[in-house]
C-alpha atoms as a PDB file:
ATOM      1  CA  MET A   1     -39.205  37.447  98.846  1.00  0.00           C
ATOM      2  CA  GLN A   2     -42.007  38.477  97.059  1.00  0.00           C
ATOM      3  CA  SER A   3     -45.343  36.851  97.562  1.00  0.00           C
ATOM      4  CA  LEU A   4     -46.232  34.264  94.999  1.00  0.00           C
ATOM      5  CA  THR A   5     -49.923  34.302  96.067  1.00  0.00           C
ATOM      6  CA  LEU A   6     -51.026  37.588  94.138  1.00  0.00           C
ATOM      7  CA  GLN A   7     -51.018  39.671  97.145  1.00  0.00           C
ATOM      8  CA  THR A   8     -49.658  42.724  95.511  1.00  0.00           C
ATOM      9  CA  GLY A   9     -50.871  46.069  95.284  1.00  0.00           C
ATOM     10  CA  ALA A  10     -51.133  49.663  96.505  1.00  0.00           C
ATOM     11  CA  LEU A  11     -52.721  49.587 100.093  1.00  0.00           C
ATOM     12  CA  ALA A  12     -50.318  51.826 102.019  1.00  0.00           C
ATOM     13  CA  VAL A  13     -51.578  51.005 105.549  1.00  0.00           C
ATOM     14  CA  CYS A  14     -47.824  50.608 106.700  1.00  0.00           C
ATOM     15  CA  ALA A  15     -47.059  54.497 106.744  1.00  0.00           C
ATOM     16  CA  VAL A  16     -46.564  54.444 110.700  1.00  0.00           C
ATOM     17  CA  LEU A  17     -44.536  51.005 110.748  1.00  0.00           C
ATOM     18  CA  ALA A  18     -41.222  52.482 111.109  1.00  0.00           C
ATOM     19  CA  GLY A  19     -42.054  53.940 114.399  1.00  0.00           C
ATOM     20  CA  CYS A  20     -43.528  50.731 115.808  1.00  0.00           C
ATOM     21  CA  GLY A  21     -42.120  48.716 118.760  1.00  0.00           C
ATOM     22  CA  GLY A  22     -39.069  48.392 120.660  1.00  0.00           C
ATOM     23  CA  ALA A  23     -36.346  45.729 119.965  1.00  0.00           C
ATOM     24  CA  PRO A  24     -37.511  42.127 119.481  1.00  0.00           C
ATOM     25  CA  PRO A  25     -36.334  39.638 122.128  1.00  0.00           C
ATOM     26  CA  GLN A  26     -33.118  38.398 121.073  1.00  0.00           C
ATOM     27  CA  GLU A  27     -34.398  34.595 121.992  1.00  0.00           C
ATOM     28  CA  GLU A  28     -37.365  34.592 119.375  1.00  0.00           C
ATOM     29  CA  GLN A  29     -37.005  33.269 115.870  1.00  0.00           C
ATOM     30  CA  PHE A  30     -39.410  35.699 115.033  1.00  0.00           C
ATOM     31  CA  TRP A  31     -41.149  39.092 116.506  1.00  0.00           C
ATOM     32  CA  ASP A  32     -44.833  39.385 116.042  1.00  0.00           C
ATOM     33  CA  PRO A  33     -46.628  41.471 118.362  1.00  0.00           C
ATOM     34  CA  HIS A  34     -49.340  42.231 116.085  1.00  0.00           C
ATOM     35  CA  GLU A  35     -50.403  38.550 115.576  1.00  0.00           C
ATOM     36  CA  GLU A  36     -54.024  39.078 116.057  1.00  0.00           C
ATOM     37  CA  GLN A  37     -54.447  41.818 113.452  1.00  0.00           C
ATOM     38  CA  ASN A  38     -51.846  40.132 111.073  1.00  0.00           C
ATOM     39  CA  ARG A  39     -54.103  36.884 111.185  1.00  0.00           C
ATOM     40  CA  SER A  40     -57.124  38.882 110.241  1.00  0.00           C
ATOM     41  CA  THR A  41     -55.265  40.574 107.318  1.00  0.00           C
ATOM     42  CA  HIS A  42     -53.871  37.239 106.251  1.00  0.00           C
ATOM     43  CA  GLU A  43     -57.368  35.627 106.174  1.00  0.00           C
ATOM     44  CA  PHE A  44     -58.603  38.461 104.109  1.00  0.00           C
ATOM     45  CA  ASN A  45     -55.661  38.148 101.791  1.00  0.00           C
ATOM     46  CA  LYS A  46     -56.620  34.272 101.701  1.00  0.00           C
ATOM     47  CA  ASN A  47     -60.016  35.016 100.600  1.00  0.00           C
ATOM     48  CA  LEU A  48     -59.004  37.800  97.870  1.00  0.00           C
ATOM     49  CA  ASP A  49     -56.429  35.099  96.647  1.00  0.00           C
ATOM     50  CA  GLN A  50     -59.036  32.488  96.318  1.00  0.00           C
ATOM     51  CA  VAL A  51     -61.613  34.911  94.454  1.00  0.00           C
ATOM     52  CA  PHE A  52     -58.673  36.013  92.264  1.00  0.00           C
ATOM     53  CA  ALA A  53     -57.873  32.263  91.325  1.00  0.00           C
ATOM     54  CA  THR A  54     -61.327  31.576  90.667  1.00  0.00           C
ATOM     55  CA  ALA A  55     -61.866  34.444  88.284  1.00  0.00           C
ATOM     56  CA  ILE A  56     -58.627  33.461  86.382  1.00  0.00           C
ATOM     57  CA  LYS A  57     -59.481  29.548  86.427  1.00  0.00           C
ATOM     58  CA  PRO A  58     -61.040  29.641  82.724  1.00  0.00           C
ATOM     59  CA  ILE A  59     -57.624  31.314  81.158  1.00  0.00           C
ATOM     60  CA  VAL A  60     -56.291  28.660  79.531  1.00  0.00           C
ATOM     61  CA  LEU A  61     -52.968  29.411  77.783  1.00  0.00           C
ATOM     62  CA  PRO A  62     -50.132  27.220  76.592  1.00  0.00           C
ATOM     63  CA  ASP A  63     -47.079  27.245  79.286  1.00  0.00           C
ATOM     64  CA  PRO A  64     -44.591  29.356  77.036  1.00  0.00           C
ATOM     65  CA  VAL A  65     -47.270  32.317  77.217  1.00  0.00           C
ATOM     66  CA  PHE A  66     -47.467  32.482  80.758  1.00  0.00           C
ATOM     67  CA  VAL A  67     -43.678  32.504  81.061  1.00  0.00           C
ATOM     68  CA  GLY A  68     -43.481  35.290  78.430  1.00  0.00           C
ATOM     69  CA  PHE A  69     -46.028  37.425  80.542  1.00  0.00           C
ATOM     70  CA  SER A  70     -44.109  36.692  83.507  1.00  0.00           C
ATOM     71  CA  ASN A  71     -40.573  37.268  81.736  1.00  0.00           C
ATOM     72  CA  ALA A  72     -42.483  40.892  80.813  1.00  0.00           C
ATOM     73  CA  SER A  73     -43.516  41.811  84.222  1.00  0.00           C
ATOM     74  CA  SER A  74     -40.060  40.856  85.880  1.00  0.00           C
ATOM     75  CA  ASN A  75     -38.142  43.081  83.250  1.00  0.00           C
ATOM     76  CA  LEU A  76     -40.247  46.040  84.190  1.00  0.00           C
ATOM     77  CA  GLY A  77     -38.691  45.644  87.490  1.00  0.00           C
ATOM     78  CA  LEU A  78     -35.353  45.674  86.888  1.00  0.00           C
ATOM     79  CA  PRO A  79     -34.781  49.408  86.341  1.00  0.00           C
ATOM     80  CA  SER A  80     -35.870  49.841  90.330  1.00  0.00           C
ATOM     81  CA  LYS A  81     -33.069  46.795  91.083  1.00  0.00           C
ATOM     82  CA  VAL A  82     -30.617  48.819  89.472  1.00  0.00           C
ATOM     83  CA  VAL A  83     -31.270  51.874  91.556  1.00  0.00           C
ATOM     84  CA  ASN A  84     -31.062  49.736  94.638  1.00  0.00           C
ATOM     85  CA  SER A  85     -27.768  48.123  93.725  1.00  0.00           C
ATOM     86  CA  VAL A  86     -26.385  51.409  93.421  1.00  0.00           C
ATOM     87  CA  LEU A  87     -27.588  52.644  96.336  1.00  0.00           C
ATOM     88  CA  GLN A  88     -26.521  49.411  98.040  1.00  0.00           C
ATOM     89  CA  GLY A  89     -22.674  50.272  96.410  1.00  0.00           C
ATOM     90  CA  ARG A  90     -22.798  46.833  94.361  1.00  0.00           C
ATOM     91  CA  ALA A  91     -21.858  47.923  91.171  1.00  0.00           C
ATOM     92  CA  GLU A  92     -21.878  44.273  89.398  1.00  0.00           C
ATOM     93  CA  PRO A  93     -25.299  43.485  89.665  1.00  0.00           C
ATOM     94  CA  ALA A  94     -26.308  47.201  88.825  1.00  0.00           C
ATOM     95  CA  VAL A  95     -24.317  46.629  85.622  1.00  0.00           C
ATOM     96  CA  GLU A  96     -25.878  43.265  84.939  1.00  0.00           C
ATOM     97  CA  ASN A  97     -29.400  44.164  85.545  1.00  0.00           C
ATOM     98  CA  THR A  98     -28.899  47.029  83.233  1.00  0.00           C
ATOM     99  CA  LEU A  99     -27.424  45.147  80.545  1.00  0.00           C
ATOM    100  CA  ARG A 100     -30.141  42.470  80.850  1.00  0.00           C
ATOM    101  CA  PHE A 101     -33.084  45.294  80.819  1.00  0.00           C
ATOM    102  CA  VAL A 102     -31.686  46.795  77.703  1.00  0.00           C
ATOM    103  CA  ILE A 103     -31.218  43.146  76.058  1.00  0.00           C
ATOM    104  CA  ASN A 104     -34.442  41.904  76.863  1.00  0.00           C
ATOM    105  CA  SER A 105     -35.977  45.198  76.242  1.00  0.00           C
ATOM    106  CA  THR A 106     -34.819  45.214  72.523  1.00  0.00           C
ATOM    107  CA  ILE A 107     -33.857  41.732  71.220  1.00  0.00           C
ATOM    108  CA  GLY A 108     -36.284  40.113  73.752  1.00  0.00           C
ATOM    109  CA  ILE A 109     -39.210  41.948  72.114  1.00  0.00           C
ATOM    110  CA  GLY A 110     -40.194  43.902  75.498  1.00  0.00           C
ATOM    111  CA  GLY A 111     -38.967  41.357  77.934  1.00  0.00           C
ATOM    112  CA  LEU A 112     -41.227  38.377  76.627  1.00  0.00           C
ATOM    113  CA  PHE A 113     -38.034  36.408  75.843  1.00  0.00           C
ATOM    114  CA  ASP A 114     -34.629  36.103  77.884  1.00  0.00           C
ATOM    115  CA  PRO A 115     -31.776  36.343  75.685  1.00  0.00           C
ATOM    116  CA  ALA A 116     -29.823  38.059  78.217  1.00  0.00           C
ATOM    117  CA  GLY A 117     -30.047  34.959  80.351  1.00  0.00           C
ATOM    118  CA  SER A 118     -30.145  32.316  77.949  1.00  0.00           C
ATOM    119  CA  VAL A 119     -27.557  33.695  75.416  1.00  0.00           C
ATOM    120  CA  PHE A 120     -25.492  36.064  77.373  1.00  0.00           C
ATOM    121  CA  GLY A 121     -25.452  34.402  80.778  1.00  0.00           C
ATOM    122  CA  LEU A 122     -26.895  37.715  82.534  1.00  0.00           C
ATOM    123  CA  HIS A 123     -29.131  36.659  85.221  1.00  0.00           C
ATOM    124  CA  GLU A 124     -31.328  38.847  87.394  1.00  0.00           C
ATOM    125  CA  THR A 125     -30.236  39.870  90.829  1.00  0.00           C
ATOM    126  CA  ASP A 126     -33.135  40.590  92.768  1.00  0.00           C
ATOM    127  CA  THR A 127     -33.140  43.310  95.220  1.00  0.00           C
ATOM    128  CA  ASP A 128     -35.459  45.881  96.428  1.00  0.00           C
ATOM    129  CA  PHE A 129     -35.375  49.007  98.927  1.00  0.00           C
ATOM    130  CA  GLY A 130     -35.973  46.844 101.923  1.00  0.00           C
ATOM    131  CA  GLU A 131     -32.366  45.050 101.184  1.00  0.00           C
ATOM    132  CA  THR A 132     -31.060  49.015 100.830  1.00  0.00           C
ATOM    133  CA  LEU A 133     -32.394  49.551 104.270  1.00  0.00           C
ATOM    134  CA  TYR A 134     -30.615  46.333 105.684  1.00  0.00           C
ATOM    135  CA  VAL A 135     -27.480  47.262 103.910  1.00  0.00           C
ATOM    136  CA  TRP A 136     -27.802  50.607 105.671  1.00  0.00           C
ATOM    137  CA  GLY A 137     -28.124  48.936 108.877  1.00  0.00           C
ATOM    138  CA  TRP A 138     -31.896  48.998 109.762  1.00  0.00           C
ATOM    139  CA  SER A 139     -33.245  46.434 112.009  1.00  0.00           C
ATOM    140  CA  GLU A 140     -35.995  43.849 110.686  1.00  0.00           C
ATOM    141  CA  GLY A 141     -38.629  44.936 113.102  1.00  0.00           C
ATOM    142  CA  ALA A 142     -41.837  43.080 113.245  1.00  0.00           C
ATOM    143  CA  TYR A 143     -43.400  40.696 111.140  1.00  0.00           C
ATOM    144  CA  ILE A 144     -46.348  42.112 109.684  1.00  0.00           C
ATOM    145  CA  VAL A 145     -49.109  41.377 107.082  1.00  0.00           C
ATOM    146  CA  LEU A 146     -50.425  43.979 104.629  1.00  0.00           C
ATOM    147  CA  PRO A 147     -53.479  44.096 102.808  1.00  0.00           C
ATOM    148  CA  VAL A 148     -53.185  42.760  99.354  1.00  0.00           C
ATOM    149  CA  VAL A 149     -49.308  42.646  99.772  1.00  0.00           C
ATOM    150  CA  GLY A 150     -48.975  39.793 101.929  1.00  0.00           C
ATOM    151  CA  PRO A 151     -46.202  39.084 104.409  1.00  0.00           C
ATOM    152  CA  SER A 152     -43.253  41.464 105.175  1.00  0.00           C
ATOM    153  CA  THR A 153     -41.715  43.170 108.195  1.00  0.00           C
ATOM    154  CA  GLU A 154     -41.423  46.688 109.340  1.00  0.00           C
ATOM    155  CA  ARG A 155     -38.170  47.095 107.433  1.00  0.00           C
ATOM    156  CA  ASP A 156     -39.513  45.602 104.282  1.00  0.00           C
ATOM    157  CA  ALA A 157     -42.897  47.477 104.136  1.00  0.00           C
ATOM    158  CA  VAL A 158     -41.123  51.038 104.696  1.00  0.00           C
ATOM    159  CA  GLY A 159     -38.881  49.535 101.461  1.00  0.00           C
ATOM    160  CA  TRP A 160     -41.793  48.424  99.363  1.00  0.00           C
ATOM    161  CA  LEU A 161     -43.392  51.896 100.106  1.00  0.00           C
ATOM    162  CA  VAL A 162     -40.247  53.679  98.794  1.00  0.00           C
ATOM    163  CA  ASP A 163     -39.999  51.065  95.847  1.00  0.00           C
ATOM    164  CA  LEU A 164     -43.507  51.935  94.802  1.00  0.00           C
ATOM    165  CA  ALA A 165     -42.823  55.712  94.915  1.00  0.00           C
ATOM    166  CA  LEU A 166     -39.418  55.898  93.241  1.00  0.00           C
ATOM    167  CA  ASP A 167     -39.739  52.918  90.689  1.00  0.00           C
ATOM    168  CA  PRO A 168     -38.125  54.745  87.551  1.00  0.00           C
ATOM    169  CA  VAL A 169     -40.810  52.874  85.197  1.00  0.00           C
ATOM    170  CA  ASN A 170     -43.647  54.627  87.019  1.00  0.00           C
ATOM    171  CA  VAL A 171     -41.706  58.098  86.614  1.00  0.00           C
ATOM    172  CA  MET A 172     -40.791  57.508  83.139  1.00  0.00           C
ATOM    173  CA  PHE A 173     -44.377  56.299  81.455  1.00  0.00           C
ATOM    174  CA  GLU A 174     -47.612  58.200  81.657  1.00  0.00           C
ATOM    175  CA  GLY A 175     -51.006  58.108  79.900  1.00  0.00           C
ATOM    176  CA  GLN A 176     -51.553  55.197  77.886  1.00  0.00           C
ATOM    177  CA  ASP A 177     -48.225  53.822  78.269  1.00  0.00           C
ATOM    178  CA  ALA A 178     -48.415  53.626  82.187  1.00  0.00           C
ATOM    179  CA  VAL A 179     -51.536  51.712  81.446  1.00  0.00           C
ATOM    180  CA  ALA A 180     -49.894  49.557  79.315  1.00  0.00           C
ATOM    181  CA  VAL A 181     -47.311  49.129  81.723  1.00  0.00           C
ATOM    182  CA  THR A 182     -49.859  48.270  84.315  1.00  0.00           C
ATOM    183  CA  GLY A 183     -51.354  45.797  81.914  1.00  0.00           C
ATOM    184  CA  VAL A 184     -48.228  43.755  81.640  1.00  0.00           C
ATOM    185  CA  ARG A 185     -47.676  43.765  85.331  1.00  0.00           C
ATOM    186  CA  ILE A 186     -51.115  42.405  85.741  1.00  0.00           C
ATOM    187  CA  ALA A 187     -50.813  39.936  82.913  1.00  0.00           C
ATOM    188  CA  GLY A 188     -47.279  38.709  84.993  1.00  0.00           C
ATOM    189  CA  LYS A 189     -49.150  38.360  88.269  1.00  0.00           C
ATOM    190  CA  ILE A 190     -52.126  36.337  86.292  1.00  0.00           C
ATOM    191  CA  ALA A 191     -49.291  34.223  84.742  1.00  0.00           C
ATOM    192  CA  ASP A 192     -47.456  33.678  88.076  1.00  0.00           C
ATOM    193  CA  ARG A 193     -50.674  32.563  89.796  1.00  0.00           C
ATOM    194  CA  LYS A 194     -51.239  29.908  87.449  1.00  0.00           C
ATOM    195  CA  ARG A 195     -47.739  28.913  86.944  1.00  0.00           C
ATOM    196  CA  PHE A 196     -47.155  28.533  90.783  1.00  0.00           C
ATOM    197  CA  GLY A 197     -50.939  27.611  91.640  1.00  0.00           C
ATOM    198  CA  ASP A 198     -50.328  24.067  93.270  1.00  0.00           C
ATOM    199  CA  THR A 199     -47.669  25.583  95.717  1.00  0.00           C
ATOM    200  CA  VAL A 200     -49.677  28.670  96.430  1.00  0.00           C
ATOM    201  CA  ASP A 201     -52.637  26.339  97.231  1.00  0.00           C
ATOM    202  CA  SER A 202     -50.865  23.982  99.273  1.00  0.00           C
ATOM    203  CA  VAL A 203     -49.528  26.770 101.836  1.00  0.00           C
ATOM    204  CA  LEU A 204     -52.424  29.394 101.626  1.00  0.00           C
ATOM    205  CA  HIS A 205     -55.458  26.865 101.208  1.00  0.00           C
ATOM    206  CA  GLU A 206     -54.155  23.401 102.496  1.00  0.00           C
ATOM    207  CA  SER A 207     -52.006  23.965 105.412  1.00  0.00           C
ATOM    208  CA  ALA A 208     -53.374  23.343 108.996  1.00  0.00           C
ATOM    209  CA  ASP A 209     -52.070  26.512 109.992  1.00  0.00           C
ATOM    210  CA  SER A 210     -51.540  28.723 106.860  1.00  0.00           C
ATOM    211  CA  TYR A 211     -50.642  31.760 109.109  1.00  0.00           C
ATOM    212  CA  ALA A 212     -47.944  30.253 110.830  1.00  0.00           C
ATOM    213  CA  GLN A 213     -46.674  28.536 107.482  1.00  0.00           C
ATOM    214  CA  THR A 214     -46.565  31.474 105.428  1.00  0.00           C
ATOM    215  CA  ARG A 215     -44.748  33.527 108.255  1.00  0.00           C
ATOM    216  CA  LEU A 216     -41.938  31.049 108.651  1.00  0.00           C
ATOM    217  CA  LEU A 217     -41.195  30.599 105.068  1.00  0.00           C
ATOM    218  CA  TYR A 218     -41.230  34.407 104.244  1.00  0.00           C
ATOM    219  CA  LEU A 219     -38.741  34.830 107.120  1.00  0.00           C
ATOM    220  CA  GLN A 220     -36.540  32.054 106.350  1.00  0.00           C
ATOM    221  CA  SER A 221     -36.391  33.012 102.379  1.00  0.00           C
ATOM    222  CA  ARG A 222     -35.806  36.772 103.293  1.00  0.00           C
ATOM    223  CA  ARG A 223     -33.360  36.237 105.941  1.00  0.00           C
ATOM    224  CA  TYR A 224     -31.509  33.698 103.874  1.00  0.00           C
ATOM    225  CA  GLN A 225     -31.454  35.804 100.727  1.00  0.00           C
ATOM    226  CA  LEU A 226     -30.045  39.148 102.509  1.00  0.00           C
ATOM    227  CA  SER A 227     -27.465  37.215 104.562  1.00  0.00           C
ATOM    228  CA  GLY A 228     -26.302  35.473 101.341  1.00  0.00           C
ATOM    229  CA  ARG A 229     -25.972  38.373  99.642  1.00  0.00           C
ATOM    230  CA  GLN A 230     -24.050  40.333 102.517  1.00  0.00           C
ATOM    231  CA  GLU A 231     -21.690  37.378 102.273  1.00  0.00           C
ATOM    232  CA  ASN A 232     -21.189  37.964  98.441  1.00  0.00           C
ATOM    233  CA  ASP A 233     -22.250  34.223  98.170  1.00  0.00           C
ATOM    234  CA  ALA A 234     -23.807  34.154  94.290  1.00  0.00           C
ATOM    235  CA  ASP A 235     -25.222  30.769  94.963  1.00  0.00           C
ATOM    236  CA  ALA A 236     -26.959  31.326  98.124  1.00  0.00           C
ATOM    237  CA  PHE A 237     -30.216  32.659  96.593  1.00  0.00           C
ATOM    238  CA  ASP A 238     -31.968  31.887  93.517  1.00  0.00           C
ATOM    239  CA  PRO A 239     -34.869  34.199  92.924  1.00  0.00           C
ATOM    240  CA  TYR A 240     -36.348  31.836  90.535  1.00  0.00           C
ATOM    241  CA  GLU A 241     -36.318  28.893  93.035  1.00  0.00           C
ATOM    242  CA  ASP A 242     -39.483  27.544  94.307  1.00  0.00           C
ATOM    243  CA  PRO A 243     -39.214  28.410  98.087  1.00  0.00           C
ATOM    244  CA  TYR A 244     -41.545  25.729  99.319  1.00  0.00           C
ATOM    245  CA  ALA A 245     -40.237  22.849  97.425  1.00  0.00           C
ATOM    246  CA  GLU A 246     -38.546  20.239  99.508  1.00  0.00           C
END
């Protein structure tokens, strides 16, 4: 899953991750050979999130406005998901995400509303190049924490870089249009931080060991997502479900 903590951005410190380490011990539930560095990066991300949360605290808008911003930001991510579904050989989610993007970009006014889901029953299938690498047989690798981006694995970090470079939306828009797209995405991140603020705070800022808690939640959720899709279980993973809810 992608972090709900606003730890998103473009710091590509993971250029050499694909070649790190050997194979993780089979008896381990996680493989974290870089824990000391990871914890340092995690603290940086926590502080950054705290600054961001404080900065956006004065922003008070009705919940439907935040939902609209979140919808529009999510809509911009659909073309990349379509590409990855095709690369994974999964035609159905590729078609559904394409139709969802077309409908919500037009009838849904740039994705602010979700008629594709509410009227036509076309719900988003979340995916990324990290999952594409999983389908192609790449191993998970070590757990890592990326500056700004947040929790990841060696495989997912490489996937994040590829998604960033090959996102069709980034290629299609230039100049002022690209600035507008960036603005929508930032608004979506602000909306998500406002909507899920209590959950983020409970994990990042109220846990006895937020690093261990975040690591556990990320790896469990990510592995569940990938294994559920591999088994073609449509109910195995809901991208809109709160992963921290009991």
